[in-house]
């Protein structure tokens, strides 16, 4: 499936968007942010969060087989914070390998 449109509106890294009806159903079920990160939370749910990420085997179903929620409503600030932490952990703690500085080719030895 090929996504059209600019980068701001299309999903990243092959992620699929939830159908709008499902998204609205989740936001109605969870009107307040389920993550509630202290100091960041804006309280009102505006986005849908996968409890188990798709990269870790999570699905797009509302609930897992054991009845626990898989999709919950969250506010933008909490979702951004938790997603950044998850990405950093997946990268290996957020450590970056920096290359040694190269000499400019126009500089004489």
N, C-alpha and C. Protein backbone atom coordinates (compact mmCIF):
# COMPACT_ATOMS: atom_id res chain seq x y z
N UNK A 1 0.84 -1.18 0.00
CA UNK A 1 0.00 0.00 0.00
C UNK A 1 0.88 1.23 0.00
N UNK A 2 0.61 2.14 -0.88
CA UNK A 2 1.40 3.35 -1.00
C UNK A 2 0.60 4.51 -0.44
N UNK A 3 1.24 5.28 0.41
CA UNK A 3 0.58 6.44 0.99
C UNK A 3 0.92 7.66 0.17
N UNK A 4 -0.08 8.48 -0.08
CA UNK A 4 0.15 9.73 -0.81
C UNK A 4 0.02 10.87 0.17
N UNK A 5 0.38 12.04 -0.27
CA UNK A 5 0.29 13.21 0.59
C UNK A 5 1.64 13.55 1.18
N UNK A 6 1.67 14.65 1.90
CA UNK A 6 2.95 15.08 2.46
C UNK A 6 3.28 14.33 3.75
N UNK A 7 4.48 14.51 4.24
CA UNK A 7 5.00 13.78 5.39
C UNK A 7 4.20 14.02 6.67
N UNK A 8 3.57 15.19 6.78
CA UNK A 8 2.83 15.51 8.00
C UNK A 8 1.56 14.70 8.15
N UNK A 9 1.00 14.21 7.05
CA UNK A 9 -0.28 13.52 7.13
C UNK A 9 -0.19 12.03 6.92
N UNK A 10 0.93 11.52 6.44
CA UNK A 10 1.01 10.08 6.21
C UNK A 10 1.76 9.39 7.36
N UNK A 11 1.46 8.13 7.62
CA UNK A 11 2.12 7.39 8.70
C UNK A 11 3.61 7.18 8.43
N UNK A 12 4.36 6.97 9.49
CA UNK A 12 5.80 6.74 9.39
C UNK A 12 6.10 5.24 9.40
N UNK A 13 7.21 4.88 8.83
CA UNK A 13 7.78 3.53 8.93
C UNK A 13 6.78 2.41 8.65
N UNK A 14 5.93 2.58 7.68
CA UNK A 14 5.01 1.52 7.31
C UNK A 14 3.83 1.35 8.25
N UNK A 15 3.67 2.25 9.21
CA UNK A 15 2.54 2.15 10.13
C UNK A 15 1.24 2.43 9.38
N UNK A 16 0.19 1.75 9.81
CA UNK A 16 -1.11 1.97 9.19
C UNK A 16 -1.97 2.84 10.10
N UNK A 17 -2.79 3.66 9.50
CA UNK A 17 -3.72 4.46 10.28
C UNK A 17 -4.93 3.61 10.64
N UNK A 18 -5.48 3.86 11.82
CA UNK A 18 -6.70 3.18 12.22
C UNK A 18 -7.87 3.79 11.45
N UNK A 19 -8.88 3.00 11.16
CA UNK A 19 -10.08 3.58 10.54
C UNK A 19 -10.66 4.66 11.47
N UNK A 20 -11.20 5.72 10.89
CA UNK A 20 -11.71 6.84 11.68
C UNK A 20 -12.81 6.42 12.65
N UNK A 21 -13.68 5.49 12.25
CA UNK A 21 -14.74 5.03 13.16
C UNK A 21 -14.15 4.36 14.40
N UNK A 22 -13.10 3.55 14.20
CA UNK A 22 -12.46 2.88 15.33
C UNK A 22 -11.77 3.91 16.22
N UNK A 23 -11.08 4.86 15.62
CA UNK A 23 -10.39 5.91 16.36
C UNK A 23 -11.39 6.70 17.23
N UNK A 24 -12.52 7.09 16.65
CA UNK A 24 -13.53 7.84 17.40
C UNK A 24 -14.12 6.99 18.53
N UNK A 25 -14.31 5.69 18.28
CA UNK A 25 -14.84 4.79 19.31
C UNK A 25 -13.88 4.71 20.50
N UNK A 26 -12.59 4.62 20.22
CA UNK A 26 -11.58 4.55 21.30
C UNK A 26 -11.56 5.86 22.08
N UNK A 27 -11.57 6.99 21.39
CA UNK A 27 -11.54 8.29 22.08
C UNK A 27 -12.80 8.51 22.91
N UNK A 28 -13.93 7.97 22.46
CA UNK A 28 -15.17 8.07 23.23
C UNK A 28 -15.10 7.18 24.48
N UNK A 29 -14.49 6.00 24.34
CA UNK A 29 -14.36 5.06 25.46
C UNK A 29 -13.38 5.60 26.51
N UNK A 30 -12.33 6.29 26.06
CA UNK A 30 -11.31 6.84 26.96
C UNK A 30 -11.19 8.35 26.74
N UNK A 31 -12.12 9.14 27.28
CA UNK A 31 -12.09 10.59 27.02
C UNK A 31 -10.95 11.31 27.74
N UNK A 32 -10.40 10.69 28.80
CA UNK A 32 -9.26 11.30 29.49
C UNK A 32 -8.02 10.46 29.24
N UNK A 33 -6.88 11.10 29.26
CA UNK A 33 -5.60 10.47 28.94
C UNK A 33 -5.32 9.30 29.88
N UNK A 34 -5.04 8.14 29.30
CA UNK A 34 -4.75 6.94 30.09
C UNK A 34 -3.28 6.86 30.51
N UNK A 35 -2.41 7.66 29.93
CA UNK A 35 -0.99 7.63 30.31
C UNK A 35 -0.72 8.58 31.48
N UNK A 36 -1.29 9.76 31.44
CA UNK A 36 -1.18 10.76 32.52
C UNK A 36 0.25 10.93 33.02
N UNK A 37 1.16 11.31 32.13
CA UNK A 37 2.55 11.56 32.50
C UNK A 37 2.60 12.85 33.31
N UNK A 38 3.07 12.80 34.57
CA UNK A 38 3.11 14.00 35.41
C UNK A 38 3.90 15.14 34.76
N UNK A 39 3.33 16.33 34.81
CA UNK A 39 3.99 17.50 34.27
C UNK A 39 3.81 17.69 32.77
N UNK A 40 3.21 16.73 32.07
CA UNK A 40 3.02 16.83 30.62
C UNK A 40 1.56 16.71 30.21
N UNK A 41 0.78 15.96 30.96
CA UNK A 41 -0.56 15.58 30.56
C UNK A 41 -1.49 16.78 30.42
N UNK A 42 -2.25 16.80 29.31
CA UNK A 42 -3.25 17.84 29.09
C UNK A 42 -4.66 17.31 29.37
N UNK A 43 -4.76 16.10 29.87
CA UNK A 43 -5.95 15.41 30.35
C UNK A 43 -6.89 14.90 29.25
N UNK A 44 -7.22 15.68 28.24
CA UNK A 44 -8.19 15.26 27.22
C UNK A 44 -7.51 14.38 26.17
N UNK A 45 -8.10 13.22 25.90
CA UNK A 45 -7.57 12.30 24.88
C UNK A 45 -7.81 12.86 23.49
N UNK A 46 -6.75 12.90 22.70
CA UNK A 46 -6.85 13.36 21.31
C UNK A 46 -6.24 12.36 20.34
N UNK A 47 -5.50 11.37 20.86
CA UNK A 47 -4.83 10.39 20.02
C UNK A 47 -5.05 8.99 20.57
N UNK A 48 -4.83 7.98 19.71
CA UNK A 48 -4.98 6.58 20.13
C UNK A 48 -3.59 5.96 20.26
N UNK A 49 -3.36 5.27 21.37
CA UNK A 49 -2.06 4.68 21.68
C UNK A 49 -2.19 3.15 21.71
N UNK A 50 -1.26 2.46 21.06
CA UNK A 50 -1.20 0.99 21.13
C UNK A 50 -0.45 0.63 22.41
N UNK A 51 -1.08 -0.12 23.29
CA UNK A 51 -0.43 -0.54 24.54
C UNK A 51 0.77 -1.42 24.21
N UNK A 52 0.58 -2.41 23.34
CA UNK A 52 1.69 -3.22 22.83
C UNK A 52 1.93 -2.76 21.40
N UNK A 53 3.10 -2.20 21.16
CA UNK A 53 3.43 -1.64 19.85
C UNK A 53 3.38 -2.72 18.76
N UNK A 54 3.04 -2.32 17.55
CA UNK A 54 2.97 -3.25 16.43
C UNK A 54 4.33 -3.93 16.20
N UNK A 55 5.41 -3.21 16.45
CA UNK A 55 6.75 -3.78 16.27
C UNK A 55 7.02 -4.89 17.29
N UNK A 56 6.28 -4.89 18.38
CA UNK A 56 6.42 -5.92 19.42
C UNK A 56 5.32 -6.97 19.36
N UNK A 57 4.58 -6.99 18.26
CA UNK A 57 3.55 -8.00 18.08
C UNK A 57 2.15 -7.56 18.45
N UNK A 58 1.94 -6.27 18.71
CA UNK A 58 0.62 -5.77 19.05
C UNK A 58 -0.28 -5.70 17.83
N UNK A 59 -1.58 -5.69 18.07
CA UNK A 59 -2.54 -5.67 16.97
C UNK A 59 -3.30 -4.35 16.95
N UNK A 60 -4.17 -4.19 15.96
CA UNK A 60 -5.03 -3.02 15.86
C UNK A 60 -6.42 -3.30 16.44
N UNK A 61 -6.55 -4.38 17.20
CA UNK A 61 -7.82 -4.71 17.85
C UNK A 61 -8.01 -3.83 19.08
N UNK A 62 -9.26 -3.56 19.44
CA UNK A 62 -9.53 -2.74 20.62
C UNK A 62 -9.02 -3.40 21.90
N UNK A 63 -9.17 -4.75 21.97
CA UNK A 63 -8.76 -5.49 23.16
C UNK A 63 -7.88 -6.67 22.77
N UNK A 64 -7.01 -7.08 23.70
CA UNK A 64 -6.20 -8.28 23.51
C UNK A 64 -7.06 -9.52 23.77
N UNK A 65 -6.54 -10.70 23.47
CA UNK A 65 -7.29 -11.94 23.67
C UNK A 65 -7.69 -12.16 25.13
N UNK A 66 -6.88 -11.64 26.07
CA UNK A 66 -7.19 -11.83 27.49
C UNK A 66 -8.14 -10.76 28.05
N UNK A 67 -8.64 -9.87 27.18
CA UNK A 67 -9.60 -8.86 27.60
C UNK A 67 -9.00 -7.54 28.04
N UNK A 68 -7.67 -7.44 28.09
CA UNK A 68 -7.04 -6.17 28.45
C UNK A 68 -7.06 -5.23 27.23
N UNK A 69 -7.14 -3.92 27.48
CA UNK A 69 -7.18 -2.97 26.36
C UNK A 69 -5.89 -2.97 25.55
N UNK A 70 -5.99 -2.93 24.25
CA UNK A 70 -4.84 -2.81 23.36
C UNK A 70 -4.73 -1.38 22.82
N UNK A 71 -5.86 -0.72 22.64
CA UNK A 71 -5.89 0.65 22.15
C UNK A 71 -6.53 1.53 23.22
N UNK A 72 -5.86 2.62 23.60
CA UNK A 72 -6.39 3.53 24.61
C UNK A 72 -6.25 4.96 24.13
N UNK A 73 -7.07 5.84 24.68
CA UNK A 73 -7.00 7.26 24.35
C UNK A 73 -5.95 7.96 25.21
N UNK A 74 -5.18 8.83 24.58
CA UNK A 74 -4.13 9.58 25.28
C UNK A 74 -4.08 11.01 24.74
N UNK A 75 -3.49 11.92 25.51
CA UNK A 75 -3.30 13.28 25.01
C UNK A 75 -2.03 13.33 24.16
N UNK A 76 -1.90 14.36 23.35
CA UNK A 76 -0.77 14.48 22.43
C UNK A 76 0.57 14.53 23.17
N UNK A 77 0.65 15.32 24.24
CA UNK A 77 1.92 15.49 24.96
C UNK A 77 2.41 14.18 25.58
N UNK A 78 1.51 13.43 26.22
CA UNK A 78 1.90 12.14 26.81
C UNK A 78 2.30 11.16 25.73
N UNK A 79 1.55 11.13 24.61
CA UNK A 79 1.85 10.20 23.53
C UNK A 79 3.23 10.49 22.94
N UNK A 80 3.54 11.77 22.75
CA UNK A 80 4.84 12.17 22.22
C UNK A 80 5.96 11.75 23.17
N UNK A 81 5.75 11.95 24.48
CA UNK A 81 6.76 11.61 25.49
C UNK A 81 7.01 10.09 25.53
N UNK A 82 5.94 9.30 25.59
CA UNK A 82 6.07 7.85 25.68
C UNK A 82 6.65 7.28 24.39
N UNK A 83 6.25 7.81 23.24
CA UNK A 83 6.79 7.33 21.97
C UNK A 83 8.28 7.62 21.85
N UNK A 84 8.71 8.78 22.33
CA UNK A 84 10.13 9.12 22.29
C UNK A 84 10.94 8.19 23.19
N UNK A 85 10.40 7.87 24.39
CA UNK A 85 11.09 6.95 25.29
C UNK A 85 11.19 5.55 24.68
N UNK A 86 10.11 5.10 24.04
CA UNK A 86 10.11 3.79 23.42
C UNK A 86 11.11 3.72 22.28
N UNK A 87 11.16 4.78 21.47
CA UNK A 87 12.10 4.82 20.35
C UNK A 87 13.54 4.82 20.85
N UNK A 88 13.82 5.57 21.90
CA UNK A 88 15.17 5.62 22.46
C UNK A 88 15.58 4.25 22.99
N UNK A 89 14.65 3.56 23.65
CA UNK A 89 14.94 2.23 24.18
C UNK A 89 15.20 1.24 23.04
N UNK A 90 14.44 1.37 21.97
CA UNK A 90 14.60 0.48 20.83
C UNK A 90 15.95 0.72 20.14
N UNK A 91 16.42 1.97 20.18
CA UNK A 91 17.72 2.31 19.58
C UNK A 91 18.88 1.87 20.46
N UNK A 92 18.61 1.44 21.65
CA UNK A 92 19.69 1.02 22.55
C UNK A 92 20.02 2.08 23.57
N UNK A 93 19.00 2.66 24.16
CA UNK A 93 19.23 3.64 25.22
C UNK A 93 19.48 5.04 24.70
N UNK A 94 19.36 5.22 23.41
CA UNK A 94 19.54 6.54 22.86
C UNK A 94 21.00 6.93 22.68
N UNK A 95 21.92 5.99 22.82
CA UNK A 95 23.32 6.33 22.64
C UNK A 95 23.61 6.48 21.15
N UNK A 96 24.41 7.47 20.84
CA UNK A 96 24.77 7.72 19.45
C UNK A 96 26.26 7.53 19.28
N UNK A 97 26.65 6.97 18.17
CA UNK A 97 28.06 6.81 17.85
C UNK A 97 28.46 7.98 16.98
N UNK A 98 29.37 8.78 17.47
CA UNK A 98 29.80 9.96 16.73
C UNK A 98 31.09 9.64 15.96
N UNK A 99 31.10 10.08 14.72
CA UNK A 99 32.31 9.87 13.91
C UNK A 99 33.38 10.87 14.33
N UNK A 100 34.63 10.49 14.07
CA UNK A 100 35.72 11.40 14.33
C UNK A 100 35.66 12.54 13.32
N UNK A 101 35.96 13.74 13.76
CA UNK A 101 35.88 14.92 12.90
C UNK A 101 36.88 14.78 11.75
N UNK A 102 36.40 15.07 10.53
CA UNK A 102 37.27 14.98 9.36
C UNK A 102 37.89 16.34 9.08
N UNK A 103 39.09 16.29 8.54
CA UNK A 103 39.74 17.55 8.15
C UNK A 103 39.11 18.06 6.87
N UNK A 104 38.99 19.34 6.76
CA UNK A 104 38.47 19.96 5.55
C UNK A 104 39.45 19.69 4.41
N UNK A 105 38.96 19.30 3.22
CA UNK A 105 39.87 18.96 2.13
C UNK A 105 40.71 20.13 1.64
N UNK A 106 40.29 21.35 1.95
CA UNK A 106 41.06 22.50 1.50
C UNK A 106 42.16 22.92 2.46
N UNK A 107 42.28 22.26 3.61
CA UNK A 107 43.28 22.61 4.60
C UNK A 107 44.57 21.86 4.28
N UNK A 108 45.68 22.60 4.21
CA UNK A 108 46.98 21.98 3.93
C UNK A 108 47.54 21.37 5.20
N UNK A 109 48.31 20.24 5.04
CA UNK A 109 48.89 19.60 6.23
C UNK A 109 49.95 20.43 6.91
